[in-house]
Amino acid sequence: MVKQIRKLIRFMIRSWYAWQVRRQAKECGPGLKVNGPSRVSSQTSLGSNVNFNGMTISGCGAVRIGDNFHSGTECLMIAQIHNYDHGTTIPYDSSYLPRPITIGANVWLGTRVMVLGGVEIGEGAIIQAGSVVVSSIPAYSIAGGHPARVFKMRNIEHYEELKRKGRFH
């Protein structure tokens, strides 16, 4: 009985998190799963089968996340920068400049990954836990570090075969 109650509570919490993300996002495809506290901006567009395990997306720039995306816990995307070059005060003023973020399909971000504005992460890429992505990452790459750098490529033939068979987690 206690096990069933815990399972029901987990289901209700996850449903609440998903409802909040759907309400905040500009658009959201089917199959959203939100397993941890998450918040997205009103400029966020989510594909199908997106899985958040604790995500914060902030800023005034557009954020597009493709199908079958997975995140670890405590991930952060910031889609804006302070106006430091043309502002009215130093070191920066109170205005922001939008910086879009585009995440391709089947991308996996490890725990505590930070993605800064102006970045595109290509299809099938994997970003190592704790990384800070400050520049674009090509499709099928495995990248990590601060700043994140590509250190390996996925087996593209195997990836494409699994994709063709519809084998998504």
C-alpha atoms as a PDB file:
ATOM      1  CA  MET A   1       0.000   0.000   0.000  1.00  0.00           C
ATOM      2  CA  VAL A   2       2.782   2.461   0.920  1.00  0.00           C
ATOM      3  CA  LYS A   3       4.570   1.661  -2.351  1.00  0.00           C
ATOM      4  CA  GLN A   4       1.417   2.430  -4.351  1.00  0.00           C
ATOM      5  CA  ILE A   5       0.923   5.738  -2.524  1.00  0.00           C
ATOM      6  CA  ARG A   6       4.533   6.772  -3.233  1.00  0.00           C
ATOM      7  CA  LYS A   7       4.087   5.846  -6.889  1.00  0.00           C
ATOM      8  CA  LEU A   8       0.894   7.916  -7.076  1.00  0.00           C
ATOM      9  CA  ILE A   9       2.616  10.901  -5.432  1.00  0.00           C
ATOM     10  CA  ARG A  10       5.536  10.703  -7.911  1.00  0.00           C
ATOM     11  CA  PHE A  11       3.054  10.553 -10.785  1.00  0.00           C
ATOM     12  CA  MET A  12       1.190  13.614  -9.475  1.00  0.00           C
ATOM     13  CA  ILE A  13       4.402  15.617  -8.993  1.00  0.00           C
ATOM     14  CA  ARG A  14       5.650  14.776 -12.496  1.00  0.00           C
ATOM     15  CA  SER A  15       2.251  15.650 -13.956  1.00  0.00           C
ATOM     16  CA  TRP A  16       2.377  19.014 -12.152  1.00  0.00           C
ATOM     17  CA  TYR A  17       5.884  19.746 -13.514  1.00  0.00           C
ATOM     18  CA  ALA A  18       4.786  18.842 -17.070  1.00  0.00           C
ATOM     19  CA  TRP A  19       1.647  20.987 -16.782  1.00  0.00           C
ATOM     20  CA  GLN A  20       3.764  23.969 -15.722  1.00  0.00           C
ATOM     21  CA  VAL A  21       6.184  23.542 -18.641  1.00  0.00           C
ATOM     22  CA  ARG A  22       3.313  23.187 -21.157  1.00  0.00           C
ATOM     23  CA  ARG A  23       1.712  26.340 -19.753  1.00  0.00           C
ATOM     24  CA  GLN A  24       4.959  28.354 -19.938  1.00  0.00           C
ATOM     25  CA  ALA A  25       6.204  27.195 -23.374  1.00  0.00           C
ATOM     26  CA  LYS A  26       5.305  28.839 -26.660  1.00  0.00           C
ATOM     27  CA  GLU A  27       4.595  25.401 -28.143  1.00  0.00           C
ATOM     28  CA  CYS A  28       4.988  21.827 -26.992  1.00  0.00           C
ATOM     29  CA  GLY A  29       4.781  18.541 -28.888  1.00  0.00           C
ATOM     30  CA  PRO A  30       3.238  15.365 -27.490  1.00  0.00           C
ATOM     31  CA  GLY A  31       4.949  13.063 -25.012  1.00  0.00           C
ATOM     32  CA  LEU A  32       6.524  15.656 -22.706  1.00  0.00           C
ATOM     33  CA  LYS A  33       8.040  14.102 -19.559  1.00  0.00           C
ATOM     34  CA  VAL A  34       9.216  16.313 -16.716  1.00  0.00           C
ATOM     35  CA  ASN A  35      10.786  14.394 -13.835  1.00  0.00           C
ATOM     36  CA  GLY A  36      12.227  17.313 -11.885  1.00  0.00           C
ATOM     37  CA  PRO A  37      11.577  20.996 -11.225  1.00  0.00           C
ATOM     38  CA  SER A  38      11.704  22.763 -14.592  1.00  0.00           C
ATOM     39  CA  ARG A  39      10.932  26.194 -15.946  1.00  0.00           C
ATOM     40  CA  VAL A  40      10.957  27.441 -19.532  1.00  0.00           C
ATOM     41  CA  SER A  41      10.592  30.863 -21.137  1.00  0.00           C
ATOM     42  CA  SER A  42       7.629  31.950 -23.220  1.00  0.00           C
ATOM     43  CA  GLN A  43       9.941  31.819 -26.265  1.00  0.00           C
ATOM     44  CA  THR A  44      10.555  28.067 -25.892  1.00  0.00           C
ATOM     45  CA  SER A  45       9.336  25.578 -28.528  1.00  0.00           C
ATOM     46  CA  LEU A  46       9.524  21.882 -27.644  1.00  0.00           C
ATOM     47  CA  GLY A  47       9.369  18.924 -30.028  1.00  0.00           C
ATOM     48  CA  SER A  48       7.851  15.511 -29.345  1.00  0.00           C
ATOM     49  CA  ASN A  49       9.010  13.229 -26.522  1.00  0.00           C
ATOM     50  CA  VAL A  50      11.072  15.869 -24.734  1.00  0.00           C
ATOM     51  CA  ASN A  51      12.398  14.690 -21.344  1.00  0.00           C
ATOM     52  CA  PHE A  52      13.454  17.165 -18.682  1.00  0.00           C
ATOM     53  CA  ASN A  53      14.928  15.974 -15.400  1.00  0.00           C
ATOM     54  CA  GLY A  54      15.381  19.490 -14.077  1.00  0.00           C
ATOM     55  CA  MET A  55      15.747  22.297 -16.634  1.00  0.00           C
ATOM     56  CA  THR A  56      15.707  26.070 -16.470  1.00  0.00           C
ATOM     57  CA  ILE A  57      15.390  28.020 -19.727  1.00  0.00           C
ATOM     58  CA  SER A  58      15.552  31.784 -19.329  1.00  0.00           C
ATOM     59  CA  GLY A  59      16.000  34.843 -21.492  1.00  0.00           C
ATOM     60  CA  CYS A  60      14.178  36.691 -24.237  1.00  0.00           C
ATOM     61  CA  GLY A  61      15.720  34.754 -27.158  1.00  0.00           C
ATOM     62  CA  ALA A  62      13.942  31.939 -28.960  1.00  0.00           C
ATOM     63  CA  VAL A  63      14.778  28.389 -27.836  1.00  0.00           C
ATOM     64  CA  ARG A  64      13.913  25.434 -30.096  1.00  0.00           C
ATOM     65  CA  ILE A  65      14.373  21.891 -28.801  1.00  0.00           C
ATOM     66  CA  GLY A  66      13.950  18.955 -31.187  1.00  0.00           C
ATOM     67  CA  ASP A  67      12.253  15.603 -30.728  1.00  0.00           C
ATOM     68  CA  ASN A  68      13.499  12.972 -28.248  1.00  0.00           C
ATOM     69  CA  PHE A  69      15.596  15.422 -26.237  1.00  0.00           C
ATOM     70  CA  HIS A  70      16.878  14.309 -22.813  1.00  0.00           C
ATOM     71  CA  SER A  71      18.423  16.368 -20.038  1.00  0.00           C
ATOM     72  CA  GLY A  72      20.116  15.486 -16.808  1.00  0.00           C
ATOM     73  CA  THR A  73      19.270  17.357 -13.619  1.00  0.00           C
ATOM     74  CA  GLU A  74      19.972  21.043 -12.978  1.00  0.00           C
ATOM     75  CA  CYS A  75      20.538  22.034 -16.616  1.00  0.00           C
ATOM     76  CA  LEU A  76      20.411  25.698 -17.650  1.00  0.00           C
ATOM     77  CA  MET A  77      19.916  27.525 -20.961  1.00  0.00           C
ATOM     78  CA  ILE A  78      20.291  31.313 -21.112  1.00  0.00           C
ATOM     79  CA  ALA A  79      18.960  32.875 -24.336  1.00  0.00           C
ATOM     80  CA  GLN A  80      20.075  36.485 -23.823  1.00  0.00           C
ATOM     81  CA  ILE A  81      23.054  38.639 -22.903  1.00  0.00           C
ATOM     82  CA  HIS A  82      23.391  41.966 -21.133  1.00  0.00           C
ATOM     83  CA  ASN A  83      23.761  45.041 -23.349  1.00  0.00           C
ATOM     84  CA  TYR A  84      27.362  45.890 -22.474  1.00  0.00           C
ATOM     85  CA  ASP A  85      28.559  47.266 -25.853  1.00  0.00           C
ATOM     86  CA  HIS A  86      25.853  49.838 -26.578  1.00  0.00           C
ATOM     87  CA  GLY A  87      24.213  50.347 -23.203  1.00  0.00           C
ATOM     88  CA  THR A  88      23.810  53.571 -21.276  1.00  0.00           C
ATOM     89  CA  THR A  89      25.805  52.506 -18.203  1.00  0.00           C
ATOM     90  CA  ILE A  90      28.840  50.393 -17.379  1.00  0.00           C
ATOM     91  CA  PRO A  91      29.554  47.542 -16.920  1.00  0.00           C
ATOM     92  CA  TYR A  92      26.148  47.007 -18.610  1.00  0.00           C
ATOM     93  CA  ASP A  93      22.703  48.568 -18.592  1.00  0.00           C
ATOM     94  CA  SER A  94      19.305  47.111 -17.747  1.00  0.00           C
ATOM     95  CA  SER A  95      18.467  46.019 -21.309  1.00  0.00           C
ATOM     96  CA  TYR A  96      19.038  42.570 -22.764  1.00  0.00           C
ATOM     97  CA  LEU A  97      19.865  41.312 -26.240  1.00  0.00           C
ATOM     98  CA  PRO A  98      18.167  38.084 -27.371  1.00  0.00           C
ATOM     99  CA  ARG A  99      20.432  35.173 -28.352  1.00  0.00           C
ATOM    100  CA  PRO A 100      18.580  32.149 -29.787  1.00  0.00           C
ATOM    101  CA  ILE A 101      19.393  28.543 -28.915  1.00  0.00           C
ATOM    102  CA  THR A 102      18.633  25.622 -31.249  1.00  0.00           C
ATOM    103  CA  ILE A 103      18.865  22.011 -30.081  1.00  0.00           C
ATOM    104  CA  GLY A 104      18.485  19.274 -32.714  1.00  0.00           C
ATOM    105  CA  ALA A 105      16.603  16.004 -32.418  1.00  0.00           C
ATOM    106  CA  ASN A 106      17.884  13.173 -30.205  1.00  0.00           C
ATOM    107  CA  VAL A 107      20.244  15.361 -28.174  1.00  0.00           C
ATOM    108  CA  TRP A 108      21.254  14.392 -24.632  1.00  0.00           C
ATOM    109  CA  LEU A 109      22.562  16.913 -22.101  1.00  0.00           C
ATOM    110  CA  GLY A 110      24.205  15.465 -18.999  1.00  0.00           C
ATOM    111  CA  THR A 111      23.666  16.762 -15.470  1.00  0.00           C
ATOM    112  CA  ARG A 112      24.403  20.462 -14.839  1.00  0.00           C
ATOM    113  CA  VAL A 113      25.072  21.390 -18.455  1.00  0.00           C
ATOM    114  CA  MET A 114      24.837  25.107 -19.225  1.00  0.00           C
ATOM    115  CA  VAL A 115      24.031  26.283 -22.776  1.00  0.00           C
ATOM    116  CA  LEU A 116      24.567  29.957 -23.567  1.00  0.00           C
ATOM    117  CA  GLY A 117      22.734  31.991 -26.195  1.00  0.00           C
ATOM    118  CA  GLY A 118      23.722  31.965 -29.844  1.00  0.00           C
ATOM    119  CA  VAL A 119      24.472  28.230 -29.776  1.00  0.00           C
ATOM    120  CA  GLU A 120      23.223  25.431 -32.010  1.00  0.00           C
ATOM    121  CA  ILE A 121      23.631  21.795 -30.947  1.00  0.00           C
ATOM    122  CA  GLY A 122      23.257  19.419 -33.886  1.00  0.00           C
ATOM    123  CA  GLU A 123      21.177  16.267 -34.135  1.00  0.00           C
ATOM    124  CA  GLY A 124      22.292  13.301 -32.055  1.00  0.00           C
ATOM    125  CA  ALA A 125      24.897  15.230 -30.075  1.00  0.00           C
ATOM    126  CA  ILE A 126      25.760  14.329 -26.486  1.00  0.00           C
ATOM    127  CA  ILE A 127      27.041  16.952 -24.042  1.00  0.00           C
ATOM    128  CA  GLN A 128      29.027  15.656 -21.058  1.00  0.00           C
ATOM    129  CA  ALA A 129      27.842  16.456 -17.533  1.00  0.00           C
ATOM    130  CA  GLY A 130      29.089  19.755 -16.102  1.00  0.00           C
ATOM    131  CA  SER A 131      29.908  21.272 -19.490  1.00  0.00           C
ATOM    132  CA  VAL A 132      29.378  24.871 -20.564  1.00  0.00           C
ATOM    133  CA  VAL A 133      28.389  25.168 -24.229  1.00  0.00           C
ATOM    134  CA  VAL A 134      29.481  28.575 -25.565  1.00  0.00           C
ATOM    135  CA  SER A 135      29.766  27.727 -29.279  1.00  0.00           C
ATOM    136  CA  SER A 136      27.891  25.470 -31.662  1.00  0.00           C
ATOM    137  CA  ILE A 137      28.360  21.690 -31.529  1.00  0.00           C
ATOM    138  CA  PRO A 138      28.035  19.674 -34.785  1.00  0.00           C
ATOM    139  CA  ALA A 139      25.593  16.814 -35.278  1.00  0.00           C
ATOM    140  CA  TYR A 140      26.601  13.381 -33.913  1.00  0.00           C
ATOM    141  CA  SER A 141      29.336  14.906 -31.723  1.00  0.00           C
ATOM    142  CA  ILE A 142      30.193  14.051 -28.161  1.00  0.00           C
ATOM    143  CA  ALA A 143      31.467  17.165 -26.416  1.00  0.00           C
ATOM    144  CA  GLY A 144      32.419  18.240 -22.935  1.00  0.00           C
ATOM    145  CA  GLY A 145      34.361  20.644 -20.792  1.00  0.00           C
ATOM    146  CA  HIS A 146      34.398  24.353 -20.094  1.00  0.00           C
ATOM    147  CA  PRO A 147      34.100  25.521 -22.782  1.00  0.00           C
ATOM    148  CA  ALA A 148      32.616  22.395 -24.356  1.00  0.00           C
ATOM    149  CA  ARG A 149      34.772  20.914 -27.112  1.00  0.00           C
ATOM    150  CA  VAL A 150      34.125  17.922 -29.356  1.00  0.00           C
ATOM    151  CA  PHE A 151      36.262  14.966 -28.281  1.00  0.00           C
ATOM    152  CA  LYS A 152      34.543  12.116 -30.111  1.00  0.00           C
ATOM    153  CA  MET A 153      31.980  11.373 -32.832  1.00  0.00           C
ATOM    154  CA  ARG A 154      29.109   8.919 -32.564  1.00  0.00           C
ATOM    155  CA  ASN A 155      28.943   5.852 -34.790  1.00  0.00           C
ATOM    156  CA  ILE A 156      26.725   7.525 -37.410  1.00  0.00           C
ATOM    157  CA  GLU A 157      25.787   4.291 -39.228  1.00  0.00           C
ATOM    158  CA  HIS A 158      24.576   2.718 -35.969  1.00  0.00           C
ATOM    159  CA  TYR A 159      22.769   5.937 -34.985  1.00  0.00           C
ATOM    160  CA  GLU A 160      20.972   6.128 -38.351  1.00  0.00           C
ATOM    161  CA  GLU A 161      19.993   2.447 -38.175  1.00  0.00           C
ATOM    162  CA  LEU A 162      18.433   2.916 -34.716  1.00  0.00           C
ATOM    163  CA  LYS A 163      16.696   6.078 -35.929  1.00  0.00           C
ATOM    164  CA  ARG A 164      15.313   4.256 -39.000  1.00  0.00           C
ATOM    165  CA  LYS A 165      13.941   1.510 -36.732  1.00  0.00           C
ATOM    166  CA  GLY A 166      12.327   4.102 -34.426  1.00  0.00           C
ATOM    167  CA  ARG A 167      14.351   2.961 -31.403  1.00  0.00           C
ATOM    168  CA  PHE A 168      14.036   6.019 -29.136  1.00  0.00           C
ATOM    169  CA  HIS A 169      14.409   6.103 -25.342  1.00  0.00           C
END
